[in-house]
């Protein structure tokens, strides 16, 4: 990546993205965050310079800077991504840690975070704005919908389909062929052996509706 990156969000997701970019020797120009307590501070020698809608800084997007959306809340990530597209014709880049393994035969959308030691296998598909934690695994033909999230060490076995905005907790295992509906939530450490409907929360081994 030739251009430096501006990261929108300076909390947990933002710092994780910052580490991913720095691991690839990508220059991060600054972070932006709406929390005034974080502004005028630094993380890993990179300054937090203003709000996520700072027009003076966002006008750098395009020829001079790339952008990554790293806010904690899914709705906020979607909203900011839409604003960047509509007002600045900017599409967020992917933040893939240098120690992650992403197959050249996998399909990735835009604005995804792939943590250290995560594995995205060949023929796996990742939508837009997804968060894939460290040591998480997407096996062959697994699909992760837009703005879905996988916690650290979560595993999607072959042919698993995870819907948009779904949440897979840390260490959860989704057995081959299972479908997780839009906005469904899987608790940490769960083993999911049956399909989970949209908006449902499951937990346990085997996972049951909460």
C-alpha atoms as a PDB file:
ATOM      1  CA  UNK A   1       0.000   0.000   0.000  1.00  0.00           C
ATOM      2  CA  UNK A   2       1.666   3.198  -1.167  1.00  0.00           C
ATOM      3  CA  UNK A   3      -0.508   5.810   0.544  1.00  0.00           C
ATOM      4  CA  UNK A   4      -0.694   6.324   4.303  1.00  0.00           C
ATOM      5  CA  UNK A   5      -3.909   5.327   6.089  1.00  0.00           C
ATOM      6  CA  UNK A   6      -6.309   7.293   8.281  1.00  0.00           C
ATOM      7  CA  UNK A   7      -8.071   5.051  10.818  1.00  0.00           C
ATOM      8  CA  UNK A   8     -11.550   6.065  11.986  1.00  0.00           C
ATOM      9  CA  UNK A   9     -11.714   4.785  15.561  1.00  0.00           C
ATOM     10  CA  UNK A  10      -9.025   4.752  18.253  1.00  0.00           C
ATOM     11  CA  UNK A  11     -10.411   2.192  20.686  1.00  0.00           C
ATOM     12  CA  UNK A  12      -9.928  -1.595  20.669  1.00  0.00           C
ATOM     13  CA  UNK A  13     -10.711  -2.191  16.993  1.00  0.00           C
ATOM     14  CA  UNK A  14      -8.728   0.882  15.950  1.00  0.00           C
ATOM     15  CA  UNK A  15      -5.624  -0.159  17.878  1.00  0.00           C
ATOM     16  CA  UNK A  16      -5.873  -3.683  16.463  1.00  0.00           C
ATOM     17  CA  UNK A  17      -6.099  -2.250  12.943  1.00  0.00           C
ATOM     18  CA  UNK A  18      -3.172   0.062  13.673  1.00  0.00           C
ATOM     19  CA  UNK A  19      -1.061  -2.936  14.725  1.00  0.00           C
ATOM     20  CA  UNK A  20      -2.081  -4.785  11.543  1.00  0.00           C
ATOM     21  CA  UNK A  21      -1.028  -1.907   9.292  1.00  0.00           C
ATOM     22  CA  UNK A  22       2.242  -1.336  11.149  1.00  0.00           C
ATOM     23  CA  UNK A  23       3.049  -5.058  10.925  1.00  0.00           C
ATOM     24  CA  UNK A  24       3.112  -4.576   7.131  1.00  0.00           C
ATOM     25  CA  UNK A  25       5.136  -1.338   7.405  1.00  0.00           C
ATOM     26  CA  UNK A  26       2.156   0.681   6.177  1.00  0.00           C
ATOM     27  CA  UNK A  27       2.305   4.291   7.365  1.00  0.00           C
ATOM     28  CA  UNK A  28      -0.703   5.339   9.454  1.00  0.00           C
ATOM     29  CA  UNK A  29      -1.166   9.115   9.173  1.00  0.00           C
ATOM     30  CA  UNK A  30      -3.461   9.428  12.176  1.00  0.00           C
ATOM     31  CA  UNK A  31      -6.427   8.015  14.051  1.00  0.00           C
ATOM     32  CA  UNK A  32      -9.734   9.843  14.482  1.00  0.00           C
ATOM     33  CA  UNK A  33     -12.161   9.246  17.346  1.00  0.00           C
ATOM     34  CA  UNK A  34     -15.239  11.036  18.681  1.00  0.00           C
ATOM     35  CA  UNK A  35     -14.158  10.509  22.306  1.00  0.00           C
ATOM     36  CA  UNK A  36     -12.589  13.835  23.326  1.00  0.00           C
ATOM     37  CA  UNK A  37     -10.522  12.072  25.996  1.00  0.00           C
ATOM     38  CA  UNK A  38      -8.631  10.188  23.273  1.00  0.00           C
ATOM     39  CA  UNK A  39      -7.938  13.203  21.105  1.00  0.00           C
ATOM     40  CA  UNK A  40      -4.444  14.696  21.287  1.00  0.00           C
ATOM     41  CA  UNK A  41      -3.088  11.394  22.582  1.00  0.00           C
ATOM     42  CA  UNK A  42      -0.895   8.853  20.753  1.00  0.00           C
ATOM     43  CA  UNK A  43      -0.945   5.106  20.203  1.00  0.00           C
ATOM     44  CA  UNK A  44       2.272   3.451  18.995  1.00  0.00           C
ATOM     45  CA  UNK A  45       3.547   6.951  18.144  1.00  0.00           C
ATOM     46  CA  UNK A  46       0.523   7.658  15.905  1.00  0.00           C
ATOM     47  CA  UNK A  47      -1.588  10.693  16.946  1.00  0.00           C
ATOM     48  CA  UNK A  48      -5.348  10.817  17.513  1.00  0.00           C
ATOM     49  CA  UNK A  49      -6.122  14.072  15.733  1.00  0.00           C
ATOM     50  CA  UNK A  50      -9.877  14.725  15.772  1.00  0.00           C
ATOM     51  CA  UNK A  51     -13.410  13.450  15.235  1.00  0.00           C
ATOM     52  CA  UNK A  52     -14.365  10.742  12.737  1.00  0.00           C
ATOM     53  CA  UNK A  53     -16.107  13.393  10.576  1.00  0.00           C
ATOM     54  CA  UNK A  54     -13.167  15.843  10.502  1.00  0.00           C
ATOM     55  CA  UNK A  55     -13.596  17.267   6.996  1.00  0.00           C
ATOM     56  CA  UNK A  56     -10.138  18.853   6.869  1.00  0.00           C
ATOM     57  CA  UNK A  57      -8.486  15.473   7.359  1.00  0.00           C
ATOM     58  CA  UNK A  58     -10.997  13.419   5.370  1.00  0.00           C
ATOM     59  CA  UNK A  59     -10.454  15.603   2.309  1.00  0.00           C
ATOM     60  CA  UNK A  60      -7.030  13.928   2.094  1.00  0.00           C
ATOM     61  CA  UNK A  61      -8.739  10.677   1.124  1.00  0.00           C
ATOM     62  CA  UNK A  62      -8.223   9.469  -2.415  1.00  0.00           C
ATOM     63  CA  UNK A  63      -4.929  10.469  -3.974  1.00  0.00           C
ATOM     64  CA  UNK A  64      -3.097  11.205  -0.709  1.00  0.00           C
ATOM     65  CA  UNK A  65      -4.552   8.826   1.918  1.00  0.00           C
ATOM     66  CA  UNK A  66      -6.476   5.592   2.288  1.00  0.00           C
ATOM     67  CA  UNK A  67      -9.017   4.990   5.051  1.00  0.00           C
ATOM     68  CA  UNK A  68     -10.038   2.194   7.411  1.00  0.00           C
ATOM     69  CA  UNK A  69     -13.209   2.247   9.541  1.00  0.00           C
ATOM     70  CA  UNK A  70     -12.526   0.784  12.986  1.00  0.00           C
ATOM     71  CA  UNK A  71     -15.355   1.933  15.226  1.00  0.00           C
ATOM     72  CA  UNK A  72     -16.612  -0.563  17.819  1.00  0.00           C
ATOM     73  CA  UNK A  73     -20.300  -0.443  16.906  1.00  0.00           C
ATOM     74  CA  UNK A  74     -21.520  -2.206  13.756  1.00  0.00           C
ATOM     75  CA  UNK A  75     -24.112   0.478  12.969  1.00  0.00           C
ATOM     76  CA  UNK A  76     -21.431   3.152  13.260  1.00  0.00           C
ATOM     77  CA  UNK A  77     -19.086   1.241  10.936  1.00  0.00           C
ATOM     78  CA  UNK A  78     -21.852   0.918   8.348  1.00  0.00           C
ATOM     79  CA  UNK A  79     -22.813   4.587   8.665  1.00  0.00           C
ATOM     80  CA  UNK A  80     -19.247   5.863   8.370  1.00  0.00           C
ATOM     81  CA  UNK A  81     -18.559   3.566   5.413  1.00  0.00           C
ATOM     82  CA  UNK A  82     -21.641   4.943   3.660  1.00  0.00           C
ATOM     83  CA  UNK A  83     -20.591   8.523   4.396  1.00  0.00           C
ATOM     84  CA  UNK A  84     -17.095   7.900   2.999  1.00  0.00           C
ATOM     85  CA  UNK A  85     -18.590   6.460  -0.179  1.00  0.00           C
ATOM     86  CA  UNK A  86     -21.170   9.201  -0.674  1.00  0.00           C
ATOM     87  CA  UNK A  87     -19.145  12.272   0.305  1.00  0.00           C
ATOM     88  CA  UNK A  88     -15.575  11.292  -0.558  1.00  0.00           C
ATOM     89  CA  UNK A  89     -15.938   8.428  -3.069  1.00  0.00           C
ATOM     90  CA  UNK A  90     -13.631   6.492  -0.758  1.00  0.00           C
ATOM     91  CA  UNK A  91     -13.734   2.756  -0.094  1.00  0.00           C
ATOM     92  CA  UNK A  92     -12.084   1.430   3.100  1.00  0.00           C
ATOM     93  CA  UNK A  93      -9.022  -0.750   2.591  1.00  0.00           C
ATOM     94  CA  UNK A  94      -8.465  -4.105   4.313  1.00  0.00           C
ATOM     95  CA  UNK A  95      -6.276  -4.339   7.425  1.00  0.00           C
ATOM     96  CA  UNK A  96      -4.639  -7.763   7.290  1.00  0.00           C
ATOM     97  CA  UNK A  97      -1.998  -8.534   9.909  1.00  0.00           C
ATOM     98  CA  UNK A  98       1.355  -9.631   8.514  1.00  0.00           C
ATOM     99  CA  UNK A  99       1.051 -12.913  10.446  1.00  0.00           C
ATOM    100  CA  UNK A 100      -2.413 -13.724   9.098  1.00  0.00           C
ATOM    101  CA  UNK A 101      -2.732 -16.329   6.336  1.00  0.00           C
ATOM    102  CA  UNK A 102      -5.161 -15.299   3.614  1.00  0.00           C
ATOM    103  CA  UNK A 103      -5.266 -17.581   0.588  1.00  0.00           C
ATOM    104  CA  UNK A 104      -4.887 -15.899  -2.796  1.00  0.00           C
ATOM    105  CA  UNK A 105      -7.920 -17.986  -3.773  1.00  0.00           C
ATOM    106  CA  UNK A 106     -10.131 -16.507  -1.026  1.00  0.00           C
ATOM    107  CA  UNK A 107     -12.535 -13.656  -1.826  1.00  0.00           C
ATOM    108  CA  UNK A 108     -12.428 -10.542   0.346  1.00  0.00           C
ATOM    109  CA  UNK A 109     -14.567  -7.431   0.167  1.00  0.00           C
ATOM    110  CA  UNK A 110     -13.496  -4.037   1.520  1.00  0.00           C
ATOM    111  CA  UNK A 111     -12.779  -2.687   4.985  1.00  0.00           C
ATOM    112  CA  UNK A 112     -12.107  -6.017   6.685  1.00  0.00           C
ATOM    113  CA  UNK A 113      -9.832  -6.542   9.688  1.00  0.00           C
ATOM    114  CA  UNK A 114      -7.968  -9.873   9.803  1.00  0.00           C
ATOM    115  CA  UNK A 115      -6.051 -10.396  13.043  1.00  0.00           C
ATOM    116  CA  UNK A 116      -2.698 -12.016  13.711  1.00  0.00           C
ATOM    117  CA  UNK A 117      -2.502 -15.760  12.949  1.00  0.00           C
ATOM    118  CA  UNK A 118      -6.035 -15.849  11.535  1.00  0.00           C
ATOM    119  CA  UNK A 119      -6.550 -18.159   8.535  1.00  0.00           C
ATOM    120  CA  UNK A 120      -8.812 -17.476   5.558  1.00  0.00           C
ATOM    121  CA  UNK A 121      -8.692 -20.597   3.389  1.00  0.00           C
ATOM    122  CA  UNK A 122      -8.952 -20.886  -0.365  1.00  0.00           C
ATOM    123  CA  UNK A 123     -12.533 -20.500  -1.679  1.00  0.00           C
ATOM    124  CA  UNK A 124     -13.646 -18.856   1.602  1.00  0.00           C
ATOM    125  CA  UNK A 125     -15.596 -15.629   1.154  1.00  0.00           C
ATOM    126  CA  UNK A 126     -15.522 -12.557   3.404  1.00  0.00           C
ATOM    127  CA  UNK A 127     -17.928  -9.672   2.796  1.00  0.00           C
ATOM    128  CA  UNK A 128     -17.365  -5.997   3.661  1.00  0.00           C
ATOM    129  CA  UNK A 129     -16.559  -4.501   7.051  1.00  0.00           C
ATOM    130  CA  UNK A 130     -15.949  -7.809   8.837  1.00  0.00           C
ATOM    131  CA  UNK A 131     -13.844  -8.212  11.986  1.00  0.00           C
ATOM    132  CA  UNK A 132     -11.874 -11.470  12.153  1.00  0.00           C
ATOM    133  CA  UNK A 133     -10.062 -11.913  15.451  1.00  0.00           C
ATOM    134  CA  UNK A 134      -6.589 -13.365  16.021  1.00  0.00           C
ATOM    135  CA  UNK A 135      -6.291 -17.139  15.477  1.00  0.00           C
ATOM    136  CA  UNK A 136      -9.778 -17.341  13.914  1.00  0.00           C
ATOM    137  CA  UNK A 137     -10.222 -19.789  11.010  1.00  0.00           C
ATOM    138  CA  UNK A 138     -12.464 -19.765   7.936  1.00  0.00           C
ATOM    139  CA  UNK A 139     -12.275 -23.158   6.269  1.00  0.00           C
ATOM    140  CA  UNK A 140     -12.896 -23.950   2.597  1.00  0.00           C
ATOM    141  CA  UNK A 141     -16.096 -22.456   1.142  1.00  0.00           C
ATOM    142  CA  UNK A 142     -17.025 -20.801   4.458  1.00  0.00           C
ATOM    143  CA  UNK A 143     -18.777 -17.455   4.020  1.00  0.00           C
ATOM    144  CA  UNK A 144     -18.846 -14.457   6.352  1.00  0.00           C
ATOM    145  CA  UNK A 145     -21.532 -11.859   5.586  1.00  0.00           C
ATOM    146  CA  UNK A 146     -21.104  -8.075   5.594  1.00  0.00           C
ATOM    147  CA  UNK A 147     -20.212  -6.530   8.974  1.00  0.00           C
ATOM    148  CA  UNK A 148     -20.092  -9.907  10.711  1.00  0.00           C
ATOM    149  CA  UNK A 149     -17.624 -10.455  13.539  1.00  0.00           C
ATOM    150  CA  UNK A 150     -15.551 -13.467  14.633  1.00  0.00           C
ATOM    151  CA  UNK A 151     -13.869 -13.433  18.028  1.00  0.00           C
ATOM    152  CA  UNK A 152     -10.372 -14.707  18.729  1.00  0.00           C
ATOM    153  CA  UNK A 153      -9.950 -18.393  17.928  1.00  0.00           C
ATOM    154  CA  UNK A 154     -13.438 -18.848  16.462  1.00  0.00           C
ATOM    155  CA  UNK A 155     -13.683 -21.509  13.746  1.00  0.00           C
ATOM    156  CA  UNK A 156     -16.005 -21.695  10.742  1.00  0.00           C
ATOM    157  CA  UNK A 157     -15.708 -25.197   9.310  1.00  0.00           C
ATOM    158  CA  UNK A 158     -16.228 -25.992   5.624  1.00  0.00           C
ATOM    159  CA  UNK A 159     -19.393 -24.682   3.943  1.00  0.00           C
ATOM    160  CA  UNK A 160     -20.545 -22.665   6.965  1.00  0.00           C
ATOM    161  CA  UNK A 161     -22.521 -19.548   5.994  1.00  0.00           C
ATOM    162  CA  UNK A 162     -22.663 -16.657   8.467  1.00  0.00           C
ATOM    163  CA  UNK A 163     -25.188 -13.896   7.778  1.00  0.00           C
ATOM    164  CA  UNK A 164     -24.743 -10.133   7.818  1.00  0.00           C
ATOM    165  CA  UNK A 165     -23.984  -8.467  11.162  1.00  0.00           C
ATOM    166  CA  UNK A 166     -23.805 -11.824  12.954  1.00  0.00           C
ATOM    167  CA  UNK A 167     -21.484 -12.250  15.939  1.00  0.00           C
ATOM    168  CA  UNK A 168     -19.422 -15.372  16.582  1.00  0.00           C
ATOM    169  CA  UNK A 169     -17.851 -15.300  20.042  1.00  0.00           C
ATOM    170  CA  UNK A 170     -14.255 -16.128  20.897  1.00  0.00           C
ATOM    171  CA  UNK A 171     -13.413 -19.823  20.629  1.00  0.00           C
ATOM    172  CA  UNK A 172     -16.788 -20.798  19.162  1.00  0.00           C
ATOM    173  CA  UNK A 173     -16.863 -23.654  16.646  1.00  0.00           C
ATOM    174  CA  UNK A 174     -19.438 -23.722  13.859  1.00  0.00           C
ATOM    175  CA  UNK A 175     -19.725 -27.277  12.513  1.00  0.00           C
ATOM    176  CA  UNK A 176     -19.479 -27.860   8.742  1.00  0.00           C
ATOM    177  CA  UNK A 177     -22.500 -26.845   6.706  1.00  0.00           C
ATOM    178  CA  UNK A 178     -24.300 -24.910   9.459  1.00  0.00           C
ATOM    179  CA  UNK A 179     -25.990 -21.595   8.586  1.00  0.00           C
ATOM    180  CA  UNK A 180     -25.982 -18.656  10.997  1.00  0.00           C
ATOM    181  CA  UNK A 181     -28.694 -16.075  10.252  1.00  0.00           C
ATOM    182  CA  UNK A 182     -28.378 -12.305   9.956  1.00  0.00           C
ATOM    183  CA  UNK A 183     -27.713 -10.556  13.287  1.00  0.00           C
ATOM    184  CA  UNK A 184     -27.565 -13.884  15.154  1.00  0.00           C
ATOM    185  CA  UNK A 185     -25.178 -14.173  18.108  1.00  0.00           C
ATOM    186  CA  UNK A 186     -23.109 -17.200  19.138  1.00  0.00           C
ATOM    187  CA  UNK A 187     -21.670 -17.127  22.640  1.00  0.00           C
ATOM    188  CA  UNK A 188     -17.976 -17.603  23.330  1.00  0.00           C
ATOM    189  CA  UNK A 189     -16.821 -21.221  23.408  1.00  0.00           C
ATOM    190  CA  UNK A 190     -20.045 -22.581  21.926  1.00  0.00           C
ATOM    191  CA  UNK A 191     -20.207 -25.551  19.557  1.00  0.00           C
ATOM    192  CA  UNK A 192     -22.947 -24.969  16.988  1.00  0.00           C
ATOM    193  CA  UNK A 193     -24.251 -28.146  15.332  1.00  0.00           C
ATOM    194  CA  UNK A 194     -27.556 -26.847  13.904  1.00  0.00           C
ATOM    195  CA  UNK A 195     -28.678 -23.788  11.943  1.00  0.00           C
ATOM    196  CA  UNK A 196     -29.293 -20.596  13.943  1.00  0.00           C
ATOM    197  CA  UNK A 197     -32.171 -18.349  12.783  1.00  0.00           C
ATOM    198  CA  UNK A 198     -31.725 -14.618  12.221  1.00  0.00           C
ATOM    199  CA  UNK A 199     -31.596 -12.467  15.372  1.00  0.00           C
ATOM    200  CA  UNK A 200     -31.315 -15.503  17.692  1.00  0.00           C
ATOM    201  CA  UNK A 201     -28.683 -15.888  20.423  1.00  0.00           C
ATOM    202  CA  UNK A 202     -27.255 -19.323  21.202  1.00  0.00           C
ATOM    203  CA  UNK A 203     -24.750 -20.575  23.751  1.00  0.00           C
ATOM    204  CA  UNK A 204     -23.249 -23.820  24.996  1.00  0.00           C
ATOM    205  CA  UNK A 205     -22.076 -27.237  23.771  1.00  0.00           C
ATOM    206  CA  UNK A 206     -24.126 -28.103  21.869  1.00  0.00           C
ATOM    207  CA  UNK A 207     -25.365 -24.532  21.452  1.00  0.00           C
ATOM    208  CA  UNK A 208     -28.920 -23.853  22.562  1.00  0.00           C
ATOM    209  CA  UNK A 209     -31.184 -20.810  22.287  1.00  0.00           C
ATOM    210  CA  UNK A 210     -30.692 -18.381  25.175  1.00  0.00           C
END
